[in-house]
Amino acid sequence: MFYHMNLAAKEIHEYDGNEFELVVYRAEEDGHLEGYISSGGFSDRIVQMSGEVASDMKSVSGSNPVAILISAMKDEIAAGKFPLPSST
């Protein structure tokens, strides 16, 4: 299925002397979120959240699902699960 993705957030994150671009897109059709990390010419979709979960999260707990995905991507970088540019 094709989705129309709109930018929900974009942030530059520095870790261990490297710069990472963290981007979250939201699908118009069902509201699902996709988070991508890119650095040094390498990019990967690292996290996803369904539209239903994102909506429930915001309405029930008041949490910002986009901020939670950004935080999860930072955790992935810190845990070494995303290759640093010097290791590619």
PDB file of N, CA and C in Angstrom:
ATOM      1  N   MET A   1       0.835  -1.177   0.000  1.00  0.00           N
ATOM      2  CA  MET A   1       0.000   0.000   0.000  1.00  0.00           C
ATOM      3  C   MET A   1       0.881   1.242   0.000  1.00  0.00           C
ATOM      4  N   PHE A   2       0.464   2.233  -0.730  1.00  0.00           N
ATOM      5  CA  PHE A   2       1.181   3.506  -0.806  1.00  0.00           C
ATOM      6  C   PHE A   2       0.638   4.458   0.246  1.00  0.00           C
ATOM      7  N   TYR A   3       1.537   5.139   0.953  1.00  0.00           N
ATOM      8  CA  TYR A   3       1.139   6.119   1.965  1.00  0.00           C
ATOM      9  C   TYR A   3       1.703   7.484   1.607  1.00  0.00           C
ATOM     10  N   HIS A   4       0.938   8.523   1.897  1.00  0.00           N
ATOM     11  CA  HIS A   4       1.414   9.892   1.783  1.00  0.00           C
ATOM     12  C   HIS A   4       2.008  10.259   3.141  1.00  0.00           C
ATOM     13  N   MET A   5       3.326  10.427   3.180  1.00  0.00           N
ATOM     14  CA  MET A   5       4.024  10.674   4.441  1.00  0.00           C
ATOM     15  C   MET A   5       4.331  12.165   4.588  1.00  0.00           C
ATOM     16  N   ASN A   6       4.004  12.700   5.767  1.00  0.00           N
ATOM     17  CA  ASN A   6       4.285  14.093   6.083  1.00  0.00           C
ATOM     18  C   ASN A   6       5.299  14.162   7.216  1.00  0.00           C
ATOM     19  N   LEU A   7       6.182  15.124   7.116  1.00  0.00           N
ATOM     20  CA  LEU A   7       7.197  15.308   8.149  1.00  0.00           C
ATOM     21  C   LEU A   7       6.530  15.684   9.468  1.00  0.00           C
ATOM     22  N   ALA A   8       6.823  14.912  10.518  1.00  0.00           N
ATOM     23  CA  ALA A   8       6.281  15.195  11.853  1.00  0.00           C
ATOM     24  C   ALA A   8       7.350  15.801  12.756  1.00  0.00           C
ATOM     25  N   ALA A   9       8.608  15.420  12.548  1.00  0.00           N
ATOM     26  CA  ALA A   9       9.717  15.962  13.347  1.00  0.00           C
ATOM     27  C   ALA A   9      11.035  15.684  12.659  1.00  0.00           C
ATOM     28  N   LYS A  10      11.973  16.584  12.881  1.00  0.00           N
ATOM     29  CA  LYS A  10      13.324  16.415  12.356  1.00  0.00           C
ATOM     30  C   LYS A  10      14.269  17.020  13.384  1.00  0.00           C
ATOM     31  N   GLU A  11      15.307  16.264  13.732  1.00  0.00           N
ATOM     32  CA  GLU A  11      16.235  16.711  14.763  1.00  0.00           C
ATOM     33  C   GLU A  11      17.639  16.214  14.438  1.00  0.00           C
ATOM     34  N   ILE A  12      18.619  17.052  14.710  1.00  0.00           N
ATOM     35  CA  ILE A  12      20.016  16.645  14.587  1.00  0.00           C
ATOM     36  C   ILE A  12      20.481  16.223  15.979  1.00  0.00           C
ATOM     37  N   HIS A  13      21.099  15.057  16.044  1.00  0.00           N
ATOM     38  CA  HIS A  13      21.563  14.498  17.319  1.00  0.00           C
ATOM     39  C   HIS A  13      23.044  14.174  17.191  1.00  0.00           C
ATOM     40  N   GLU A  14      23.828  14.673  18.137  1.00  0.00           N
ATOM     41  CA  GLU A  14      25.264  14.370  18.135  1.00  0.00           C
ATOM     42  C   GLU A  14      25.560  13.333  19.201  1.00  0.00           C
ATOM     43  N   TYR A  15      26.349  12.336  18.807  1.00  0.00           N
ATOM     44  CA  TYR A  15      26.731  11.268  19.735  1.00  0.00           C
ATOM     45  C   TYR A  15      28.139  10.807  19.388  1.00  0.00           C
ATOM     46  N   ASP A  16      28.987  10.778  20.365  1.00  0.00           N
ATOM     47  CA  ASP A  16      30.349  10.257  20.214  1.00  0.00           C
ATOM     48  C   ASP A  16      31.078  10.906  19.029  1.00  0.00           C
ATOM     49  N   GLY A  17      30.889  12.219  18.875  1.00  0.00           N
ATOM     50  CA  GLY A  17      31.567  12.954  17.811  1.00  0.00           C
ATOM     51  C   GLY A  17      30.960  12.798  16.434  1.00  0.00           C
ATOM     52  N   ASN A  18      29.820  12.145  16.339  1.00  0.00           N
ATOM     53  CA  ASN A  18      29.140  11.933  15.055  1.00  0.00           C
ATOM     54  C   ASN A  18      27.786  12.629  15.068  1.00  0.00           C
ATOM     55  N   GLU A  19      27.361  13.053  13.895  1.00  0.00           N
ATOM     56  CA  GLU A  19      26.074  13.738  13.756  1.00  0.00           C
ATOM     57  C   GLU A  19      25.071  12.827  13.079  1.00  0.00           C
ATOM     58  N   PHE A  20      23.891  12.741  13.664  1.00  0.00           N
ATOM     59  CA  PHE A  20      22.815  11.903  13.140  1.00  0.00           C
ATOM     60  C   PHE A  20      21.588  12.767  12.883  1.00  0.00           C
ATOM     61  N   GLU A  21      20.917  12.492  11.780  1.00  0.00           N
ATOM     62  CA  GLU A  21      19.656  13.152  11.495  1.00  0.00           C
ATOM     63  C   GLU A  21      18.534  12.179  11.859  1.00  0.00           C
ATOM     64  N   LEU A  22      17.660  12.610  12.747  1.00  0.00           N
ATOM     65  CA  LEU A  22      16.516  11.803  13.174  1.00  0.00           C
ATOM     66  C   LEU A  22      15.264  12.427  12.570  1.00  0.00           C
ATOM     67  N   VAL A  23      14.504  11.629  11.839  1.00  0.00           N
ATOM     68  CA  VAL A  23      13.324  12.139  11.149  1.00  0.00           C
ATOM     69  C   VAL A  23      12.146  11.213  11.427  1.00  0.00           C
ATOM     70  N   VAL A  24      10.994  11.811  11.735  1.00  0.00           N
ATOM     71  CA  VAL A  24       9.760  11.045  11.933  1.00  0.00           C
ATOM     72  C   VAL A  24       8.724  11.547  10.933  1.00  0.00           C
ATOM     73  N   TYR A  25       8.105  10.591  10.236  1.00  0.00           N
ATOM     74  CA  TYR A  25       7.035  10.895   9.287  1.00  0.00           C
ATOM     75  C   TYR A  25       5.725  10.292   9.784  1.00  0.00           C
ATOM     76  N   ARG A  26       4.621  10.992   9.486  1.00  0.00           N
ATOM     77  CA  ARG A  26       3.284  10.503   9.827  1.00  0.00           C
ATOM     78  C   ARG A  26       2.502  10.283   8.531  1.00  0.00           C
ATOM     79  N   ALA A  27       1.855   9.115   8.412  1.00  0.00           N
ATOM     80  CA  ALA A  27       1.061   8.784   7.228  1.00  0.00           C
ATOM     81  C   ALA A  27      -0.296   9.486   7.293  1.00  0.00           C
ATOM     82  N   GLU A  28      -0.671  10.127   6.203  1.00  0.00           N
ATOM     83  CA  GLU A  28      -1.978  10.793   6.139  1.00  0.00           C
ATOM     84  C   GLU A  28      -3.125   9.795   6.279  1.00  0.00           C
ATOM     85  N   GLU A  29      -2.958   8.627   5.673  1.00  0.00           N
ATOM     86  CA  GLU A  29      -4.068   7.685   5.575  1.00  0.00           C
ATOM     87  C   GLU A  29      -4.469   7.067   6.916  1.00  0.00           C
ATOM     88  N   ASP A  30      -3.511   6.645   7.721  1.00  0.00           N
ATOM     89  CA  ASP A  30      -3.870   5.960   8.971  1.00  0.00           C
ATOM     90  C   ASP A  30      -3.149   6.496  10.205  1.00  0.00           C
ATOM     91  N   GLY A  31      -2.327   7.519  10.028  1.00  0.00           N
ATOM     92  CA  GLY A  31      -1.660   8.152  11.159  1.00  0.00           C
ATOM     93  C   GLY A  31      -0.470   7.399  11.721  1.00  0.00           C
ATOM     94  N   HIS A  32      -0.050   6.302  11.059  1.00  0.00           N
ATOM     95  CA  HIS A  32       1.104   5.580  11.616  1.00  0.00           C
ATOM     96  C   HIS A  32       2.359   6.433  11.471  1.00  0.00           C
ATOM     97  N   LEU A  33       3.322   6.170  12.348  1.00  0.00           N
ATOM     98  CA  LEU A  33       4.565   6.927  12.383  1.00  0.00           C
ATOM     99  C   LEU A  33       5.735   6.029  11.994  1.00  0.00           C
ATOM    100  N   GLU A  34       6.699   6.602  11.275  1.00  0.00           N
ATOM    101  CA  GLU A  34       7.926   5.899  10.927  1.00  0.00           C
ATOM    102  C   GLU A  34       9.098   6.811  11.249  1.00  0.00           C
ATOM    103  N   GLY A  35      10.084   6.264  11.968  1.00  0.00           N
ATOM    104  CA  GLY A  35      11.267   7.031  12.332  1.00  0.00           C
ATOM    105  C   GLY A  35      12.482   6.529  11.588  1.00  0.00           C
ATOM    106  N   TYR A  36      13.280   7.452  11.073  1.00  0.00           N
ATOM    107  CA  TYR A  36      14.485   7.124  10.310  1.00  0.00           C
ATOM    108  C   TYR A  36      15.694   7.816  10.924  1.00  0.00           C
ATOM    109  N   ILE A  37      16.828   7.127  10.893  1.00  0.00           N
ATOM    110  CA  ILE A  37      18.106   7.696  11.302  1.00  0.00           C
ATOM    111  C   ILE A  37      18.990   7.722  10.060  1.00  0.00           C
ATOM    112  N   SER A  38      19.694   8.834   9.864  1.00  0.00           N
ATOM    113  CA  SER A  38      20.671   8.859   8.778  1.00  0.00           C
ATOM    114  C   SER A  38      21.950   9.521   9.267  1.00  0.00           C
ATOM    115  N   SER A  39      23.063   9.027   8.729  1.00  0.00           N
ATOM    116  CA  SER A  39      24.371   9.574   9.057  1.00  0.00           C
ATOM    117  C   SER A  39      25.392   9.036   8.066  1.00  0.00           C
ATOM    118  N   GLY A  40      26.245   9.911   7.600  1.00  0.00           N
ATOM    119  CA  GLY A  40      27.324   9.489   6.713  1.00  0.00           C
ATOM    120  C   GLY A  40      26.857   8.796   5.457  1.00  0.00           C
ATOM    121  N   GLY A  41      25.717   9.199   4.905  1.00  0.00           N
ATOM    122  CA  GLY A  41      25.214   8.599   3.681  1.00  0.00           C
ATOM    123  C   GLY A  41      24.431   7.314   3.881  1.00  0.00           C
ATOM    124  N   PHE A  42      24.289   6.869   5.115  1.00  0.00           N
ATOM    125  CA  PHE A  42      23.553   5.653   5.423  1.00  0.00           C
ATOM    126  C   PHE A  42      22.255   6.035   6.124  1.00  0.00           C
ATOM    127  N   SER A  43      21.144   5.437   5.724  1.00  0.00           N
ATOM    128  CA  SER A  43      19.854   5.729   6.343  1.00  0.00           C
ATOM    129  C   SER A  43      19.096   4.428   6.544  1.00  0.00           C
ATOM    130  N   ASP A  44      18.308   4.383   7.616  1.00  0.00           N
ATOM    131  CA  ASP A  44      17.550   3.172   7.909  1.00  0.00           C
ATOM    132  C   ASP A  44      16.300   3.535   8.692  1.00  0.00           C
ATOM    133  N   ARG A  45      15.195   2.838   8.353  1.00  0.00           N
ATOM    134  CA  ARG A  45      13.989   2.995   9.172  1.00  0.00           C
ATOM    135  C   ARG A  45      14.231   2.173  10.421  1.00  0.00           C
ATOM    136  N   ILE A  46      14.124   2.802  11.562  1.00  0.00           N
ATOM    137  CA  ILE A  46      14.521   2.138  12.790  1.00  0.00           C
ATOM    138  C   ILE A  46      13.327   1.857  13.701  1.00  0.00           C
ATOM    139  N   VAL A  47      12.298   2.685  13.652  1.00  0.00           N
ATOM    140  CA  VAL A  47      11.146   2.487  14.529  1.00  0.00           C
ATOM    141  C   VAL A  47       9.846   2.791  13.789  1.00  0.00           C
ATOM    142  N   GLN A  48       8.787   2.127  14.225  1.00  0.00           N
ATOM    143  CA  GLN A  48       7.445   2.369  13.689  1.00  0.00           C
ATOM    144  C   GLN A  48       6.451   2.352  14.838  1.00  0.00           C
ATOM    145  N   MET A  49       5.335   3.030  14.629  1.00  0.00           N
ATOM    146  CA  MET A  49       4.247   3.007  15.606  1.00  0.00           C
ATOM    147  C   MET A  49       2.943   3.123  14.826  1.00  0.00           C
ATOM    148  N   SER A  50       1.994   2.250  15.127  1.00  0.00           N
ATOM    149  CA  SER A  50       0.712   2.300  14.414  1.00  0.00           C
ATOM    150  C   SER A  50      -0.034   3.578  14.781  1.00  0.00           C
ATOM    151  N   GLY A  51      -0.911   3.999  13.893  1.00  0.00           N
ATOM    152  CA  GLY A  51      -1.726   5.183  14.145  1.00  0.00           C
ATOM    153  C   GLY A  51      -2.596   5.027  15.369  1.00  0.00           C
ATOM    154  N   GLU A  52      -3.114   3.823  15.577  1.00  0.00           N
ATOM    155  CA  GLU A  52      -3.975   3.562  16.732  1.00  0.00           C
ATOM    156  C   GLU A  52      -3.201   3.704  18.045  1.00  0.00           C
ATOM    157  N   VAL A  53      -2.015   3.137  18.096  1.00  0.00           N
ATOM    158  CA  VAL A  53      -1.178   3.240  19.297  1.00  0.00           C
ATOM    159  C   VAL A  53      -0.806   4.699  19.551  1.00  0.00           C
ATOM    160  N   ALA A  54      -0.408   5.418  18.499  1.00  0.00           N
ATOM    161  CA  ALA A  54      -0.033   6.825  18.648  1.00  0.00           C
ATOM    162  C   ALA A  54      -1.213   7.650  19.166  1.00  0.00           C
ATOM    163  N   SER A  55      -2.381   7.411  18.623  1.00  0.00           N
ATOM    164  CA  SER A  55      -3.580   8.136  19.053  1.00  0.00           C
ATOM    165  C   SER A  55      -3.942   7.817  20.501  1.00  0.00           C
ATOM    166  N   ASP A  56      -3.907   6.523  20.846  1.00  0.00           N
ATOM    167  CA  ASP A  56      -4.210   6.110  22.219  1.00  0.00           C
ATOM    168  C   ASP A  56      -3.212   6.694  23.201  1.00  0.00           C
ATOM    169  N   MET A  57      -1.957   6.679  22.824  1.00  0.00           N
ATOM    170  CA  MET A  57      -0.899   7.181  23.697  1.00  0.00           C
ATOM    171  C   MET A  57      -1.128   8.648  24.031  1.00  0.00           C
ATOM    172  N   LYS A  58      -1.487   9.408  23.006  1.00  0.00           N
ATOM    173  CA  LYS A  58      -1.700  10.843  23.199  1.00  0.00           C
ATOM    174  C   LYS A  58      -2.952  11.115  24.017  1.00  0.00           C
ATOM    175  N   SER A  59      -4.044  10.396  23.738  1.00  0.00           N
ATOM    176  CA  SER A  59      -5.298  10.669  24.428  1.00  0.00           C
ATOM    177  C   SER A  59      -5.340  10.111  25.846  1.00  0.00           C
ATOM    178  N   VAL A  60      -4.734   8.959  26.080  1.00  0.00           N
ATOM    179  CA  VAL A  60      -4.804   8.328  27.399  1.00  0.00           C
ATOM    180  C   VAL A  60      -3.779   8.916  28.367  1.00  0.00           C
ATOM    181  N   SER A  61      -2.530   9.008  27.927  1.00  0.00           N
ATOM    182  CA  SER A  61      -1.482   9.437  28.857  1.00  0.00           C
ATOM    183  C   SER A  61      -0.991  10.860  28.607  1.00  0.00           C
ATOM    184  N   GLY A  62      -1.396  11.452  27.500  1.00  0.00           N
ATOM    185  CA  GLY A  62      -0.922  12.782  27.163  1.00  0.00           C
ATOM    186  C   GLY A  62       0.494  12.790  26.610  1.00  0.00           C
ATOM    187  N   SER A  63       1.055  11.609  26.392  1.00  0.00           N
ATOM    188  CA  SER A  63       2.417  11.497  25.860  1.00  0.00           C
ATOM    189  C   SER A  63       2.449  11.878  24.389  1.00  0.00           C
ATOM    190  N   ASN A  64       3.570  12.433  23.973  1.00  0.00           N
ATOM    191  CA  ASN A  64       3.768  12.789  22.578  1.00  0.00           C
ATOM    192  C   ASN A  64       4.453  11.621  21.872  1.00  0.00           C
ATOM    193  N   PRO A  65       3.742  10.891  21.009  1.00  0.00           N
ATOM    194  CA  PRO A  65       4.329   9.718  20.366  1.00  0.00           C
ATOM    195  C   PRO A  65       5.529  10.046  19.485  1.00  0.00           C
ATOM    196  N   VAL A  66       5.553  11.216  18.880  1.00  0.00           N
ATOM    197  CA  VAL A  66       6.694  11.606  18.043  1.00  0.00           C
ATOM    198  C   VAL A  66       7.939  11.763  18.919  1.00  0.00           C
ATOM    199  N   ALA A  67       7.802  12.415  20.061  1.00  0.00           N
ATOM    200  CA  ALA A  67       8.925  12.592  20.982  1.00  0.00           C
ATOM    201  C   ALA A  67       9.421  11.244  21.501  1.00  0.00           C
ATOM    202  N   ILE A  68       8.511  10.310  21.717  1.00  0.00           N
ATOM    203  CA  ILE A  68       8.892   8.974  22.188  1.00  0.00           C
ATOM    204  C   ILE A  68       9.705   8.244  21.120  1.00  0.00           C
ATOM    205  N   LEU A  69       9.321   8.389  19.841  1.00  0.00           N
ATOM    206  CA  LEU A  69      10.093   7.758  18.762  1.00  0.00           C
ATOM    207  C   LEU A  69      11.481   8.391  18.641  1.00  0.00           C
ATOM    208  N   ILE A  70      11.569   9.710  18.757  1.00  0.00           N
ATOM    209  CA  ILE A  70      12.870  10.387  18.709  1.00  0.00           C
ATOM    210  C   ILE A  70      13.760   9.858  19.837  1.00  0.00           C
ATOM    211  N   SER A  71      13.194   9.736  21.027  1.00  0.00           N
ATOM    212  CA  SER A  71      13.944   9.213  22.176  1.00  0.00           C
ATOM    213  C   SER A  71      14.409   7.779  21.935  1.00  0.00           C
ATOM    214  N   ALA A  72      13.544   6.957  21.341  1.00  0.00           N
ATOM    215  CA  ALA A  72      13.898   5.562  21.045  1.00  0.00           C
ATOM    216  C   ALA A  72      15.050   5.492  20.042  1.00  0.00           C
ATOM    217  N   MET A  73      15.053   6.391  19.063  1.00  0.00           N
ATOM    218  CA  MET A  73      16.140   6.399  18.082  1.00  0.00           C
ATOM    219  C   MET A  73      17.459   6.802  18.738  1.00  0.00           C
ATOM    220  N   LYS A  74      17.410   7.765  19.644  1.00  0.00           N
ATOM    221  CA  LYS A  74      18.624   8.163  20.374  1.00  0.00           C
ATOM    222  C   LYS A  74      19.149   6.986  21.197  1.00  0.00           C
ATOM    223  N   ASP A  75      18.245   6.236  21.799  1.00  0.00           N
ATOM    224  CA  ASP A  75      18.645   5.051  22.569  1.00  0.00           C
ATOM    225  C   ASP A  75      19.307   4.009  21.668  1.00  0.00           C
ATOM    226  N   GLU A  76      18.790   3.828  20.446  1.00  0.00           N
ATOM    227  CA  GLU A  76      19.375   2.879  19.497  1.00  0.00           C
ATOM    228  C   GLU A  76      20.802   3.285  19.129  1.00  0.00           C
ATOM    229  N   ILE A  77      21.021   4.579  18.934  1.00  0.00           N
ATOM    230  CA  ILE A  77      22.357   5.078  18.611  1.00  0.00           C
ATOM    231  C   ILE A  77      23.296   4.832  19.790  1.00  0.00           C
ATOM    232  N   ALA A  78      22.863   5.202  20.989  1.00  0.00           N
ATOM    233  CA  ALA A  78      23.700   5.047  22.188  1.00  0.00           C
ATOM    234  C   ALA A  78      24.024   3.580  22.464  1.00  0.00           C
ATOM    235  N   ALA A  79      23.121   2.679  22.105  1.00  0.00           N
ATOM    236  CA  ALA A  79      23.333   1.244  22.328  1.00  0.00           C
ATOM    237  C   ALA A  79      24.209   0.608  21.240  1.00  0.00           C
ATOM    238  N   GLY A  80      24.602   1.414  20.247  1.00  0.00           N
ATOM    239  CA  GLY A  80      25.461   0.898  19.183  1.00  0.00           C
ATOM    240  C   GLY A  80      24.727   0.084  18.140  1.00  0.00           C
ATOM    241  N   LYS A  81      23.416   0.237  18.056  1.00  0.00           N
ATOM    242  CA  LYS A  81      22.628  -0.550  17.099  1.00  0.00           C
ATOM    243  C   LYS A  81      22.535   0.112  15.729  1.00  0.00           C
ATOM    244  N   PHE A  82      23.063   1.314  15.619  1.00  0.00           N
ATOM    245  CA  PHE A  82      23.102   2.011  14.340  1.00  0.00           C
ATOM    246  C   PHE A  82      24.573   2.274  14.037  1.00  0.00           C
ATOM    247  N   PRO A  83      25.054   1.876  12.853  1.00  0.00           N
ATOM    248  CA  PRO A  83      26.497   2.018  12.574  1.00  0.00           C
ATOM    249  C   PRO A  83      26.933   3.480  12.535  1.00  0.00           C
ATOM    250  N   LEU A  84      28.044   3.757  13.189  1.00  0.00           N
ATOM    251  CA  LEU A  84      28.628   5.094  13.136  1.00  0.00           C
ATOM    252  C   LEU A  84      29.265   5.288  11.771  1.00  0.00           C
ATOM    253  N   PRO A  85      29.296   6.524  11.253  1.00  0.00           N
ATOM    254  CA  PRO A  85      29.855   6.758   9.915  1.00  0.00           C
ATOM    255  C   PRO A  85      31.266   6.200   9.751  1.00  0.00           C
ATOM    256  N   SER A  86      32.088   6.267  10.779  1.00  0.00           N
ATOM    257  CA  SER A  86      33.467   5.789  10.667  1.00  0.00           C
ATOM    258  C   SER A  86      33.541   4.255  10.569  1.00  0.00           C
ATOM    259  N   SER A  87      32.444   3.554  10.925  1.00  0.00           N
ATOM    260  CA  SER A  87      32.461   2.091  10.880  1.00  0.00           C
ATOM    261  C   SER A  87      31.786   1.528   9.637  1.00  0.00           C
ATOM    262  N   THR A  88      31.316   2.396   8.746  1.00  0.00           N
ATOM    263  CA  THR A  88      30.651   1.924   7.535  1.00  0.00           C
ATOM    264  C   THR A  88      31.617   1.777   6.400  1.00  0.00           C
TER     265      THR A  88
END
